[in-house]
Amino acid sequence: MSDKIIVFAPHPDDETLSCGGIIALNARQGNEVNIVFMTDGRYSHKHTLGIDTYPTPQDVKRIRCEEARKVTKILGVEETNLTFLEYEDGTLGNNIEAASNLVQELLQRINPDSIYFPARTDKHRDHKAANIIVKKSILFLNKQPALFQYVVWKSGLASKQIVSIDIADVLPIKKLAISEYKSQVTIFSDKQKRPILIKRFLNRFMAKEEVFITS
């Protein structure tokens, strides 16, 4: 019997940066992979670079959704297993109860064996909110799935309960997938002098292992 996993991404690209190898490995093994994009990521250019025209936040929302569909296909995920909650970027913490209700329904329907989601120690407010939402929702499951927490916006994992998973066999797939988030990793607008995600930051996610907190 195949396993079911679900990955929660506060923004389109978090799933690939943190779990791209895990996603590709599970897809290769024939396991069911589900991905939940919790916000639309519309303010990446405005908040990071002060750009709100060409592209506008609405443009960025559309582009990042299109990128997410393309990237997850590269990783081997069926489009029918993607869920877009479409909360406005930066507002997840204002929608804890409503989002928790949606996530509870998803978890009860999918009944996953493993859940991947942001750690509370992640510095980004949407990531912290995602942690709260997922933890609240897990309480309503009839079984206890394996929990794997990841950190995107902090260099280290402040926990003794760490697991490293070898993704060397699928690292080229992960790297290709990351490169297709062009709005984030390239100079996408003539107003930009640098990408949203700079090379030094991206290099952290190009390793042969992915690391998670397991409690």
C-alpha atoms as a PDB file:
ATOM      1  CA  MET A   1       0.000   0.000   0.000  1.00  0.00           C
ATOM      2  CA  SER A   2       1.347   3.417  -0.923  1.00  0.00           C
ATOM      3  CA  ASP A   3       1.752   6.207   1.619  1.00  0.00           C
ATOM      4  CA  LYS A   4       0.068   9.579   1.508  1.00  0.00           C
ATOM      5  CA  ILE A   5       1.977  12.754   2.306  1.00  0.00           C
ATOM      6  CA  ILE A   6       0.842  16.352   2.460  1.00  0.00           C
ATOM      7  CA  VAL A   7       3.090  19.400   2.279  1.00  0.00           C
ATOM      8  CA  PHE A   8       1.903  22.805   3.501  1.00  0.00           C
ATOM      9  CA  ALA A   9       3.509  25.795   1.774  1.00  0.00           C
ATOM     10  CA  PRO A  10       2.778  29.280   3.152  1.00  0.00           C
ATOM     11  CA  HIS A  11       3.746  30.668  -0.280  1.00  0.00           C
ATOM     12  CA  PRO A  12       4.375  29.122  -3.692  1.00  0.00           C
ATOM     13  CA  ASP A  13       8.065  28.020  -3.627  1.00  0.00           C
ATOM     14  CA  ASP A  14       8.272  27.059   0.083  1.00  0.00           C
ATOM     15  CA  GLU A  15       7.262  23.490  -0.772  1.00  0.00           C
ATOM     16  CA  THR A  16      10.099  23.120  -3.271  1.00  0.00           C
ATOM     17  CA  LEU A  17      12.797  24.918  -1.299  1.00  0.00           C
ATOM     18  CA  SER A  18      12.142  22.913   1.858  1.00  0.00           C
ATOM     19  CA  CYS A  19      10.704  19.616   0.602  1.00  0.00           C
ATOM     20  CA  GLY A  20      11.392  19.409  -3.129  1.00  0.00           C
ATOM     21  CA  GLY A  21      13.510  16.313  -2.665  1.00  0.00           C
ATOM     22  CA  ILE A  22      10.961  14.636  -0.409  1.00  0.00           C
ATOM     23  CA  ILE A  23       8.203  15.428  -2.886  1.00  0.00           C
ATOM     24  CA  ALA A  24      10.160  14.029  -5.838  1.00  0.00           C
ATOM     25  CA  LEU A  25      11.209  10.896  -3.922  1.00  0.00           C
ATOM     26  CA  ASN A  26       7.655  10.129  -2.846  1.00  0.00           C
ATOM     27  CA  ALA A  27       6.282  10.748  -6.327  1.00  0.00           C
ATOM     28  CA  ARG A  28       8.940   8.424  -7.776  1.00  0.00           C
ATOM     29  CA  GLN A  29       7.993   5.739  -5.261  1.00  0.00           C
ATOM     30  CA  GLY A  30       4.338   5.943  -6.260  1.00  0.00           C
ATOM     31  CA  ASN A  31       3.171   7.581  -3.048  1.00  0.00           C
ATOM     32  CA  GLU A  32       0.333  10.098  -3.121  1.00  0.00           C
ATOM     33  CA  VAL A  33       1.712  13.617  -2.708  1.00  0.00           C
ATOM     34  CA  ASN A  34      -0.597  16.510  -1.838  1.00  0.00           C
ATOM     35  CA  ILE A  35       0.477  20.143  -1.639  1.00  0.00           C
ATOM     36  CA  VAL A  36      -1.432  22.990  -0.020  1.00  0.00           C
ATOM     37  CA  PHE A  37      -0.502  26.553  -0.969  1.00  0.00           C
ATOM     38  CA  MET A  38      -1.810  28.663   1.875  1.00  0.00           C
ATOM     39  CA  THR A  39      -1.326  32.208   0.550  1.00  0.00           C
ATOM     40  CA  ASP A  40      -1.066  33.630  -2.952  1.00  0.00           C
ATOM     41  CA  GLY A  41       2.382  35.232  -2.549  1.00  0.00           C
ATOM     42  CA  ARG A  42       1.235  38.422  -4.263  1.00  0.00           C
ATOM     43  CA  TYR A  43       3.437  40.818  -2.288  1.00  0.00           C
ATOM     44  CA  SER A  44       6.858  39.264  -2.867  1.00  0.00           C
ATOM     45  CA  HIS A  45       8.032  42.139  -5.049  1.00  0.00           C
ATOM     46  CA  LYS A  46       6.335  44.891  -3.072  1.00  0.00           C
ATOM     47  CA  HIS A  47       7.528  43.788   0.362  1.00  0.00           C
ATOM     48  CA  THR A  48      11.043  42.774  -0.694  1.00  0.00           C
ATOM     49  CA  LEU A  49      11.899  45.371  -3.353  1.00  0.00           C
ATOM     50  CA  GLY A  50       9.194  48.036  -3.110  1.00  0.00           C
ATOM     51  CA  ILE A  51       7.839  47.176  -6.581  1.00  0.00           C
ATOM     52  CA  ASP A  52       4.057  47.309  -6.987  1.00  0.00           C
ATOM     53  CA  THR A  53       3.727  48.031 -10.714  1.00  0.00           C
ATOM     54  CA  TYR A  54       5.081  45.931 -13.574  1.00  0.00           C
ATOM     55  CA  PRO A  55       4.417  43.507 -11.985  1.00  0.00           C
ATOM     56  CA  THR A  56       1.481  44.496  -9.815  1.00  0.00           C
ATOM     57  CA  PRO A  57       0.575  42.314  -6.819  1.00  0.00           C
ATOM     58  CA  GLN A  58      -2.281  40.850  -8.895  1.00  0.00           C
ATOM     59  CA  ASP A  59       0.204  39.997 -11.653  1.00  0.00           C
ATOM     60  CA  VAL A  60       2.491  38.326  -9.125  1.00  0.00           C
ATOM     61  CA  LYS A  61      -0.403  36.323  -7.701  1.00  0.00           C
ATOM     62  CA  ARG A  62      -1.264  34.936 -11.139  1.00  0.00           C
ATOM     63  CA  ILE A  63       2.343  34.282 -12.100  1.00  0.00           C
ATOM     64  CA  ARG A  64       3.206  32.453  -8.884  1.00  0.00           C
ATOM     65  CA  CYS A  65       0.142  30.240  -9.209  1.00  0.00           C
ATOM     66  CA  GLU A  66       1.168  29.322 -12.756  1.00  0.00           C
ATOM     67  CA  GLU A  67       4.719  28.661 -11.599  1.00  0.00           C
ATOM     68  CA  ALA A  68       3.504  26.435  -8.767  1.00  0.00           C
ATOM     69  CA  ARG A  69       1.546  24.266 -11.192  1.00  0.00           C
ATOM     70  CA  LYS A  70       4.529  23.933 -13.518  1.00  0.00           C
ATOM     71  CA  VAL A  71       7.042  23.281 -10.743  1.00  0.00           C
ATOM     72  CA  THR A  72       4.998  20.635  -8.961  1.00  0.00           C
ATOM     73  CA  LYS A  73       4.499  18.834 -12.277  1.00  0.00           C
ATOM     74  CA  ILE A  74       8.294  18.690 -12.607  1.00  0.00           C
ATOM     75  CA  LEU A  75       8.445  17.178  -9.115  1.00  0.00           C
ATOM     76  CA  GLY A  76       5.911  14.546 -10.155  1.00  0.00           C
ATOM     77  CA  VAL A  77       2.746  15.776  -8.411  1.00  0.00           C
ATOM     78  CA  GLU A  78      -0.674  15.425 -10.005  1.00  0.00           C
ATOM     79  CA  GLU A  79      -2.395  18.785 -10.487  1.00  0.00           C
ATOM     80  CA  THR A  80      -5.527  17.325  -8.897  1.00  0.00           C
ATOM     81  CA  ASN A  81      -3.505  16.982  -5.672  1.00  0.00           C
ATOM     82  CA  LEU A  82      -2.817  20.729  -5.436  1.00  0.00           C
ATOM     83  CA  THR A  83      -4.918  22.976  -3.199  1.00  0.00           C
ATOM     84  CA  PHE A  84      -4.762  26.772  -3.287  1.00  0.00           C
ATOM     85  CA  LEU A  85      -6.336  28.362  -0.211  1.00  0.00           C
ATOM     86  CA  GLU A  86      -5.681  31.809  -1.741  1.00  0.00           C
ATOM     87  CA  TYR A  87      -5.301  33.832   1.427  1.00  0.00           C
ATOM     88  CA  GLU A  88      -3.690  37.165   0.672  1.00  0.00           C
ATOM     89  CA  ASP A  89       0.036  37.143   1.236  1.00  0.00           C
ATOM     90  CA  GLY A  90       0.858  38.328   4.768  1.00  0.00           C
ATOM     91  CA  THR A  91      -2.634  37.801   6.206  1.00  0.00           C
ATOM     92  CA  LEU A  92      -2.566  34.144   7.236  1.00  0.00           C
ATOM     93  CA  GLY A  93      -2.259  35.088  10.908  1.00  0.00           C
ATOM     94  CA  ASN A  94      -5.513  37.043  10.623  1.00  0.00           C
ATOM     95  CA  ASN A  95      -7.338  33.970   9.338  1.00  0.00           C
ATOM     96  CA  ILE A  96      -6.309  31.250  11.789  1.00  0.00           C
ATOM     97  CA  GLU A  97      -9.802  29.919  12.509  1.00  0.00           C
ATOM     98  CA  ALA A  98     -11.109  29.984   8.947  1.00  0.00           C
ATOM     99  CA  ALA A  99      -7.929  28.430   7.562  1.00  0.00           C
ATOM    100  CA  SER A 100      -7.917  25.808  10.325  1.00  0.00           C
ATOM    101  CA  ASN A 101     -11.418  24.730   9.309  1.00  0.00           C
ATOM    102  CA  LEU A 102     -10.317  24.299   5.697  1.00  0.00           C
ATOM    103  CA  VAL A 103      -7.182  22.415   6.683  1.00  0.00           C
ATOM    104  CA  GLN A 104      -9.132  20.130   9.035  1.00  0.00           C
ATOM    105  CA  GLU A 105     -11.412  19.161   6.170  1.00  0.00           C
ATOM    106  CA  LEU A 106      -8.422  18.508   3.900  1.00  0.00           C
ATOM    107  CA  LEU A 107      -6.627  16.370   6.459  1.00  0.00           C
ATOM    108  CA  GLN A 108      -9.724  14.349   7.244  1.00  0.00           C
ATOM    109  CA  ARG A 109     -10.333  13.714   3.543  1.00  0.00           C
ATOM    110  CA  ILE A 110      -6.736  12.859   2.648  1.00  0.00           C
ATOM    111  CA  ASN A 111      -5.874  11.084   5.921  1.00  0.00           C
ATOM    112  CA  PRO A 112      -2.112  11.483   5.393  1.00  0.00           C
ATOM    113  CA  ASP A 113       0.621   9.274   6.802  1.00  0.00           C
ATOM    114  CA  SER A 114       3.116  12.175   6.910  1.00  0.00           C
ATOM    115  CA  ILE A 115       2.710  15.944   7.145  1.00  0.00           C
ATOM    116  CA  TYR A 116       5.369  18.506   6.231  1.00  0.00           C
ATOM    117  CA  PHE A 117       4.825  22.079   7.437  1.00  0.00           C
ATOM    118  CA  PRO A 118       6.749  25.148   8.682  1.00  0.00           C
ATOM    119  CA  ALA A 119       8.292  25.196  12.143  1.00  0.00           C
ATOM    120  CA  ARG A 120       7.176  27.781  14.690  1.00  0.00           C
ATOM    121  CA  THR A 121      10.780  29.027  14.795  1.00  0.00           C
ATOM    122  CA  ASP A 122      10.601  30.236  11.197  1.00  0.00           C
ATOM    123  CA  LYS A 123      10.911  34.014  11.167  1.00  0.00           C
ATOM    124  CA  HIS A 124       8.216  34.747   8.559  1.00  0.00           C
ATOM    125  CA  ARG A 125       4.789  35.580  10.003  1.00  0.00           C
ATOM    126  CA  ASP A 126       2.902  33.503   7.428  1.00  0.00           C
ATOM    127  CA  HIS A 127       5.117  30.528   8.267  1.00  0.00           C
ATOM    128  CA  LYS A 128       4.440  30.928  11.981  1.00  0.00           C
ATOM    129  CA  ALA A 129       0.707  31.126  11.271  1.00  0.00           C
ATOM    130  CA  ALA A 130       0.892  28.028   9.069  1.00  0.00           C
ATOM    131  CA  ASN A 131       2.466  26.123  11.956  1.00  0.00           C
ATOM    132  CA  ILE A 132      -0.381  27.116  14.285  1.00  0.00           C
ATOM    133  CA  ILE A 133      -3.036  26.209  11.715  1.00  0.00           C
ATOM    134  CA  VAL A 134      -1.614  22.779  10.952  1.00  0.00           C
ATOM    135  CA  LYS A 135      -1.071  21.906  14.619  1.00  0.00           C
ATOM    136  CA  LYS A 136      -4.645  22.909  15.477  1.00  0.00           C
ATOM    137  CA  SER A 137      -5.974  20.841  12.613  1.00  0.00           C
ATOM    138  CA  ILE A 138      -3.989  17.701  13.432  1.00  0.00           C
ATOM    139  CA  LEU A 139      -5.889  17.391  16.707  1.00  0.00           C
ATOM    140  CA  PHE A 140      -9.019  16.388  14.777  1.00  0.00           C
ATOM    141  CA  LEU A 141      -7.418  13.404  13.008  1.00  0.00           C
ATOM    142  CA  ASN A 142      -8.225   9.870  14.097  1.00  0.00           C
ATOM    143  CA  LYS A 143      -4.591   8.843  13.762  1.00  0.00           C
ATOM    144  CA  GLN A 144      -1.241  10.449  14.479  1.00  0.00           C
ATOM    145  CA  PRO A 145       0.679  11.023  11.253  1.00  0.00           C
ATOM    146  CA  ALA A 146       4.445  11.516  11.202  1.00  0.00           C
ATOM    147  CA  LEU A 147       5.202  15.237  11.515  1.00  0.00           C
ATOM    148  CA  PHE A 148       8.120  16.942   9.799  1.00  0.00           C
ATOM    149  CA  GLN A 149       8.692  20.664  10.345  1.00  0.00           C
ATOM    150  CA  TYR A 150      10.939  22.748   8.129  1.00  0.00           C
ATOM    151  CA  VAL A 151      12.517  26.197   8.367  1.00  0.00           C
ATOM    152  CA  VAL A 152      12.904  28.496   5.365  1.00  0.00           C
ATOM    153  CA  TRP A 153      13.611  31.947   6.818  1.00  0.00           C
ATOM    154  CA  LYS A 154      16.217  31.053   9.387  1.00  0.00           C
ATOM    155  CA  SER A 155      19.628  29.448   8.952  1.00  0.00           C
ATOM    156  CA  GLY A 156      19.382  26.807  11.665  1.00  0.00           C
ATOM    157  CA  LEU A 157      16.951  24.407  13.321  1.00  0.00           C
ATOM    158  CA  ALA A 158      16.779  24.987  17.068  1.00  0.00           C
ATOM    159  CA  SER A 159      15.937  21.451  18.151  1.00  0.00           C
ATOM    160  CA  LYS A 160      17.719  18.259  19.167  1.00  0.00           C
ATOM    161  CA  GLN A 161      15.157  16.132  17.338  1.00  0.00           C
ATOM    162  CA  ILE A 162      16.416  16.541  13.799  1.00  0.00           C
ATOM    163  CA  VAL A 163      16.210  14.120  10.898  1.00  0.00           C
ATOM    164  CA  SER A 164      18.208  14.427   7.671  1.00  0.00           C
ATOM    165  CA  ILE A 165      16.842  12.719   4.568  1.00  0.00           C
ATOM    166  CA  ASP A 166      19.091  11.870   1.615  1.00  0.00           C
ATOM    167  CA  ILE A 167      17.728  13.397  -1.584  1.00  0.00           C
ATOM    168  CA  ALA A 168      20.871  13.054  -3.735  1.00  0.00           C
ATOM    169  CA  ASP A 169      19.096  10.884  -6.326  1.00  0.00           C
ATOM    170  CA  VAL A 170      16.506  13.573  -7.037  1.00  0.00           C
ATOM    171  CA  LEU A 171      18.571  16.701  -6.380  1.00  0.00           C
ATOM    172  CA  PRO A 172      18.799  17.543 -10.113  1.00  0.00           C
ATOM    173  CA  ILE A 173      14.991  17.460 -10.275  1.00  0.00           C
ATOM    174  CA  LYS A 174      14.746  19.738  -7.234  1.00  0.00           C
ATOM    175  CA  LYS A 175      17.249  22.191  -8.726  1.00  0.00           C
ATOM    176  CA  LEU A 176      15.311  22.284 -11.996  1.00  0.00           C
ATOM    177  CA  ALA A 177      12.077  22.858 -10.105  1.00  0.00           C
ATOM    178  CA  ILE A 178      13.547  25.751  -8.108  1.00  0.00           C
ATOM    179  CA  SER A 179      14.832  27.346 -11.319  1.00  0.00           C
ATOM    180  CA  GLU A 180      11.289  27.409 -12.711  1.00  0.00           C
ATOM    181  CA  TYR A 181      10.134  29.783  -9.971  1.00  0.00           C
ATOM    182  CA  LYS A 182      11.450  32.476 -12.261  1.00  0.00           C
ATOM    183  CA  SER A 183       9.556  35.315 -10.559  1.00  0.00           C
ATOM    184  CA  GLN A 184      11.537  34.572  -7.408  1.00  0.00           C
ATOM    185  CA  VAL A 185      14.976  33.459  -8.602  1.00  0.00           C
ATOM    186  CA  THR A 186      15.586  35.709 -11.629  1.00  0.00           C
ATOM    187  CA  ILE A 187      15.446  39.412 -12.370  1.00  0.00           C
ATOM    188  CA  PHE A 188      11.830  39.374 -13.464  1.00  0.00           C
ATOM    189  CA  SER A 189      11.120  43.082 -13.836  1.00  0.00           C
ATOM    190  CA  ASP A 190      13.121  45.910 -15.377  1.00  0.00           C
ATOM    191  CA  LYS A 191      12.725  47.647 -12.005  1.00  0.00           C
ATOM    192  CA  GLN A 192      14.727  44.945 -10.238  1.00  0.00           C
ATOM    193  CA  LYS A 193      18.435  45.033  -9.507  1.00  0.00           C
ATOM    194  CA  ARG A 194      18.416  41.598  -7.898  1.00  0.00           C
ATOM    195  CA  PRO A 195      16.145  38.567  -7.675  1.00  0.00           C
ATOM    196  CA  ILE A 196      13.742  38.163  -4.755  1.00  0.00           C
ATOM    197  CA  LEU A 197      15.714  35.112  -3.607  1.00  0.00           C
ATOM    198  CA  ILE A 198      19.453  35.693  -3.877  1.00  0.00           C
ATOM    199  CA  LYS A 199      21.988  32.978  -4.667  1.00  0.00           C
ATOM    200  CA  ARG A 200      23.414  32.801  -1.141  1.00  0.00           C
ATOM    201  CA  PHE A 201      19.958  32.095   0.229  1.00  0.00           C
ATOM    202  CA  LEU A 202      19.120  29.547  -2.466  1.00  0.00           C
ATOM    203  CA  ASN A 203      22.364  27.646  -1.923  1.00  0.00           C
ATOM    204  CA  ARG A 204      21.052  26.484   1.462  1.00  0.00           C
ATOM    205  CA  PHE A 205      18.422  24.434  -0.348  1.00  0.00           C
ATOM    206  CA  MET A 206      20.738  22.822  -2.901  1.00  0.00           C
ATOM    207  CA  ALA A 207      22.232  20.278  -0.490  1.00  0.00           C
ATOM    208  CA  LYS A 208      22.029  16.488  -0.865  1.00  0.00           C
ATOM    209  CA  GLU A 209      19.956  16.269   2.309  1.00  0.00           C
ATOM    210  CA  GLU A 210      16.766  17.921   3.523  1.00  0.00           C
ATOM    211  CA  VAL A 211      16.538  18.524   7.254  1.00  0.00           C
ATOM    212  CA  PHE A 212      13.435  18.500   9.439  1.00  0.00           C
ATOM    213  CA  ILE A 213      12.374  18.827  13.050  1.00  0.00           C
ATOM    214  CA  THR A 214      10.459  15.687  14.026  1.00  0.00           C
ATOM    215  CA  SER A 215       8.592  16.827  17.130  1.00  0.00           C
END
